[in-house]
Protein backbone atom coordinates (compact mmCIF):
# COMPACT_ATOMS: atom_id res chain seq x y z
CA MET A 1 -203.89 94.57 -4.60
CA ALA A 2 -204.59 91.69 -6.92
CA TRP A 3 -204.08 89.22 -4.07
CA TRP A 4 -206.72 91.07 -1.99
CA ASN A 5 -209.28 90.77 -4.80
CA PHE A 6 -208.38 87.11 -5.19
CA ILE A 7 -209.07 86.42 -1.49
CA GLY A 8 -212.35 88.41 -1.68
CA ASP A 9 -213.49 86.43 -4.73
CA ALA A 10 -212.52 83.15 -3.04
CA LEU A 11 -214.51 84.04 0.08
CA LYS A 12 -217.53 85.04 -2.00
CA GLY A 13 -217.30 81.78 -3.95
CA GLY A 14 -217.02 79.84 -0.70
CA LYS A 15 -220.08 81.65 0.63
CA ASP A 16 -222.05 80.77 -2.51
CA VAL A 17 -221.04 77.13 -2.22
CA ALA A 18 -221.88 77.03 1.48
CA GLU A 19 -225.35 78.50 0.81
CA VAL A 20 -226.11 75.47 -1.33
CA PHE A 21 -225.89 73.29 1.79
CA VAL A 22 -226.79 75.74 4.58
CA GLU A 23 -229.46 78.40 4.29
CA ASN A 24 -228.40 82.02 4.65
CA LYS A 25 -229.92 83.05 7.97
CA GLU A 26 -230.13 86.74 7.08
CA ASN A 27 -232.01 86.06 3.84
CA LYS A 28 -234.25 83.59 5.67
CA GLY A 29 -235.05 86.23 8.30
CA GLN A 30 -235.91 88.77 5.61
CA ARG A 31 -238.21 86.29 3.83
CA GLN A 32 -239.93 85.34 7.10
CA HIS A 33 -240.41 89.01 7.96
CA ALA A 34 -241.95 89.68 4.54
CA GLU A 35 -244.28 86.66 4.94
CA GLN A 36 -245.32 87.77 8.43
CA MET A 37 -246.02 91.31 7.24
CA ALA A 38 -248.11 89.93 4.37
CA ASP A 39 -250.07 87.82 6.88
CA VAL A 40 -250.56 90.83 9.16
CA ASN A 41 -251.76 92.97 6.25
CA ARG A 42 -254.16 90.23 5.13
CA ASP A 43 -255.49 89.87 8.70
CA LEU A 44 -255.94 93.63 9.00
CA ALA A 45 -257.82 93.72 5.71
CA SER A 46 -260.11 90.90 6.90
CA LEU A 47 -260.72 92.62 10.24
CA SER A 48 -261.57 95.91 8.59
CA GLN A 49 -263.93 94.10 6.22
CA PHE A 50 -265.65 92.40 9.18
CA SER A 51 -265.85 95.65 11.13
CA ASP A 52 -267.38 97.43 8.13
CA GLU A 53 -270.00 94.71 7.99
CA PHE A 54 -271.03 95.16 11.62
CA HIS A 55 -270.75 98.94 11.98
CA SER A 56 -273.69 101.07 11.06
CA ARG A 57 -273.34 102.24 7.51
CA GLN A 58 -273.66 105.92 6.75
CA ASN A 59 -275.34 105.52 3.36
CA ARG A 60 -277.88 102.95 4.47
CA THR A 61 -281.09 103.00 2.44
CA TRP A 62 -284.56 101.71 3.22
CA TRP A 63 -283.83 98.75 0.93
CA ASP A 64 -280.81 97.73 3.05
CA SER A 65 -282.94 97.82 6.18
CA PHE A 66 -285.68 95.82 4.46
CA VAL A 67 -283.26 93.10 3.31
CA ASP A 68 -281.66 92.92 6.77
CA GLY A 69 -285.12 92.44 8.24
CA LEU A 70 -285.93 89.70 5.72
CA ASN A 71 -282.70 87.91 6.60
CA ARG A 72 -283.79 87.79 10.23
CA LEU A 73 -287.30 86.48 9.58
CA PRO A 74 -286.94 82.76 8.63
CA ARG A 75 -286.04 81.32 12.03
CA PRO A 76 -288.81 83.05 13.99
CA LEU A 77 -291.42 82.40 11.27
CA LEU A 78 -290.56 78.70 11.06
CA THR A 79 -290.70 78.38 14.82
CA ILE A 80 -294.02 80.20 15.08
CA ALA A 81 -295.51 78.10 12.26
CA ILE A 82 -294.53 74.80 13.89
CA VAL A 83 -295.76 75.86 17.33
CA SER A 84 -299.02 77.11 15.79
CA PHE A 85 -299.70 73.63 14.33
CA PHE A 86 -299.40 72.16 17.81
CA VAL A 87 -301.82 74.79 19.11
CA LEU A 88 -304.21 74.32 16.16
CA ALA A 89 -304.45 70.51 16.55
CA PRO A 90 -306.46 70.49 19.80
CA LEU A 91 -308.34 73.75 19.08
CA ASP A 92 -309.62 72.90 15.58
CA PRO A 93 -308.94 69.25 14.69
CA ALA A 94 -310.88 69.42 11.39
CA ARG A 95 -308.83 72.38 10.14
CA PHE A 96 -305.62 70.67 11.31
CA LEU A 97 -306.63 67.53 9.35
CA GLU A 98 -307.18 69.59 6.18
CA ILE A 99 -303.74 71.18 6.52
CA ALA A 100 -302.10 67.81 7.19
CA LYS A 101 -303.80 66.27 4.09
CA ALA A 102 -302.59 69.21 1.97
CA TYR A 103 -299.03 68.67 3.15
CA GLU A 104 -299.37 64.94 2.47
CA LEU A 105 -299.99 65.74 -1.22
CA MET A 106 -296.65 67.57 -1.56
CA PRO A 107 -294.04 65.64 -3.63
CA PRO A 108 -291.08 64.13 -1.75
CA GLY A 109 -288.60 66.46 -3.52
CA TYR A 110 -290.23 69.49 -1.89
CA TRP A 111 -289.96 67.85 1.52
CA ALA A 112 -286.27 67.14 0.90
CA LEU A 113 -285.69 70.74 -0.14
CA LEU A 114 -287.56 72.04 2.89
CA SER A 115 -285.56 69.76 5.21
CA ILE A 116 -282.28 70.99 3.74
CA ILE A 117 -283.27 74.64 4.12
CA ILE A 118 -284.46 74.15 7.69
CA GLY A 119 -281.38 72.05 8.44
CA PHE A 120 -279.09 74.85 7.30
CA TYR A 121 -281.01 77.57 9.13
CA PHE A 122 -281.28 75.77 12.44
CA GLY A 123 -278.39 73.31 12.14
CA GLY A 124 -275.71 75.91 11.54
CA ARG A 125 -276.81 77.94 14.53
CA MET A 126 -277.10 74.81 16.67
CA GLN A 127 -273.58 73.76 15.70
CA LEU A 128 -272.15 77.17 16.63
CA LYS A 129 -273.94 77.11 19.98
CA ALA A 130 -272.77 73.54 20.63
CA GLN A 131 -269.18 74.60 19.93
CA ASP A 132 -269.55 77.54 22.32
CA PHE A 133 -270.88 75.24 25.03
CA THR A 134 -268.05 72.73 24.50
CA ILE A 135 -265.47 75.46 24.83
CA LYS A 136 -267.15 76.82 27.94
CA LYS A 137 -267.62 73.32 29.38
CA SER A 138 -263.96 72.43 28.84
CA ALA A 139 -262.86 75.75 30.35
CA VAL A 140 -265.04 75.14 33.41
CA GLN A 141 -263.67 71.60 33.71
CA ALA A 142 -260.09 72.89 33.47
CA ALA A 143 -260.81 75.48 36.15
CA LYS A 144 -262.28 72.80 38.44
CA GLU A 145 -259.22 70.61 37.92
CA LEU A 146 -256.91 73.54 38.68
CA VAL A 147 -258.78 74.30 41.91
CA GLN A 148 -258.59 70.62 42.90
CA ILE A 149 -254.84 70.50 42.21
CA LYS A 150 -254.28 73.64 44.29
CA LYS A 151 -256.28 72.13 47.15
CA GLU A 152 -254.19 68.98 47.00
CA PHE A 153 -250.94 70.99 47.06
CA ARG A 154 -252.17 73.03 50.05
CA GLN A 155 -253.15 69.83 51.81
CA LEU A 156 -249.70 68.34 51.18
CA ASP A 157 -248.02 71.49 52.51
CA ASP A 158 -250.31 71.55 55.57
CA ASP A 159 -249.71 67.86 56.25
CA LYS A 160 -245.96 68.31 56.00
CA GLU A 161 -245.93 71.29 58.38
CA SER A 162 -248.31 69.70 60.88
CA THR A 163 -246.41 66.40 61.06
CA GLU A 164 -243.10 68.19 61.63
CA SER A 165 -244.55 70.34 64.40
CA LYS A 166 -246.31 67.38 66.02
CA ILE A 167 -243.12 65.35 66.11
CA PHE A 168 -241.50 68.07 68.17
CA ASP A 169 -244.56 68.22 70.42
CA THR A 170 -244.24 64.54 71.33
CA ALA A 171 -240.56 64.93 72.02
CA LYS A 172 -241.25 67.45 74.77
CA VAL A 173 -240.45 66.11 78.15
CA SER A 174 -242.23 67.38 81.22
CA ALA A 175 -240.82 66.35 84.56
CA GLY A 176 -239.23 63.26 83.05
CA LYS A 177 -242.40 62.11 81.25
CA VAL A 178 -242.97 62.17 77.50
CA LEU A 179 -246.25 63.84 76.61
CA LYS A 180 -248.50 61.58 74.48
CA ASN A 181 -250.20 62.90 71.34
CA SER A 182 -252.63 60.45 69.72
CA VAL A 183 -252.33 61.97 66.23
CA VAL A 184 -248.55 61.79 66.29
CA GLN A 185 -248.73 58.26 67.66
CA GLN A 186 -250.96 57.23 64.73
CA TRP A 187 -248.56 58.83 62.31
CA LEU A 188 -245.58 57.07 63.90
CA ASP A 189 -247.47 53.76 63.74
CA SER A 190 -248.24 54.33 60.05
CA GLN A 191 -244.56 55.04 59.37
CA LYS A 192 -243.54 51.73 60.93
CA LYS A 193 -245.69 49.75 58.48
């Protein structure tokens, strides 16, 4: 039996040498499976975290509701404030002038900070909406192109069928005379060119 062990050891050694140059497909499959399962588990954890965030919480307190309300206030308040200045200008110009002078006295750093805050509040939302519109616009454009391509294919099929049937129509002979078809004649003339 010593020769059998020798052959087994030689094959195992050959396998080890071969795996230096060529990857073991079984081990590769096992590693890929483990990586995919880790990705799936990570995705499931993220999804459950997101779903927890958007589902109503059972132990919600008045403080949670208050903070959620505060988080929703900045955009509407900023919008109402800006629109109210445009309404105030023609209604009470003196009061509008006082407010404008007060804002003129604010240091430039405060204006920069205010612009950054407003930019993040409105800019982020605007960017998300712009991305939604681009996706929808490209999907609509793709659908239009698909409809156009289908129309062109139908037209090609219709043209092919109609020209074949019209050729046979002109070949009909009635009492020794060939019947004339102007459409087929135009097609025949175009084929001669």
